[in-house]
Amino acid sequence: MKTNIYFAFPFVLFLLTFNIIIINLVDALMANS
C-alpha cells in the first residue's frame, strides 16, 4: 500500500498544479473581457 501512495503522490501534485494554472488562466480571461 505504501508504494501505491508514493507512486500516486507526484500525480496528485501534478493535478493540483494543473488546476492552479487553469484557474489562473480563467481568471486572466475574465479580467480581460
Protein backbone atom coordinates (compact mmCIF):
# COMPACT_ATOMS: atom_id res chain seq x y z
CA MET A 1 0.00 0.00 0.00
CA LYS A 2 2.81 2.43 0.83
CA THR A 3 4.34 2.02 -2.63
CA ASN A 4 0.95 2.90 -4.13
CA ILE A 5 0.82 6.14 -2.12
CA TYR A 6 4.36 7.09 -3.12
CA PHE A 7 3.54 6.34 -6.76
CA ALA A 8 0.35 8.42 -6.72
CA PHE A 9 1.85 11.40 -4.88
CA PRO A 10 3.59 13.01 -7.93
CA PHE A 11 0.41 12.51 -9.95
CA VAL A 12 -1.68 14.32 -7.32
CA LEU A 13 0.88 17.13 -7.19
CA PHE A 14 0.72 17.43 -10.98
CA LEU A 15 -3.08 17.59 -10.89
CA LEU A 16 -3.01 20.31 -8.23
CA THR A 17 -0.50 22.37 -10.22
CA PHE A 18 -2.58 21.88 -13.39
CA ASN A 19 -5.70 23.03 -11.53
CA ILE A 20 -3.96 26.20 -10.29
CA ILE A 21 -2.74 27.02 -13.81
CA ILE A 22 -6.24 26.55 -15.27
CA ILE A 23 -7.80 28.75 -12.56
CA ASN A 24 -5.19 31.46 -13.21
CA LEU A 25 -5.84 31.32 -16.97
CA VAL A 26 -9.61 31.58 -16.50
CA ASP A 27 -9.09 34.46 -14.06
CA ALA A 28 -6.94 36.30 -16.60
CA LEU A 29 -9.50 35.74 -19.35
CA MET A 30 -12.30 37.06 -17.13
CA ALA A 31 -10.27 40.17 -16.30
CA ASN A 32 -9.55 40.83 -19.99
CA SER A 33 -13.15 40.58 -21.17
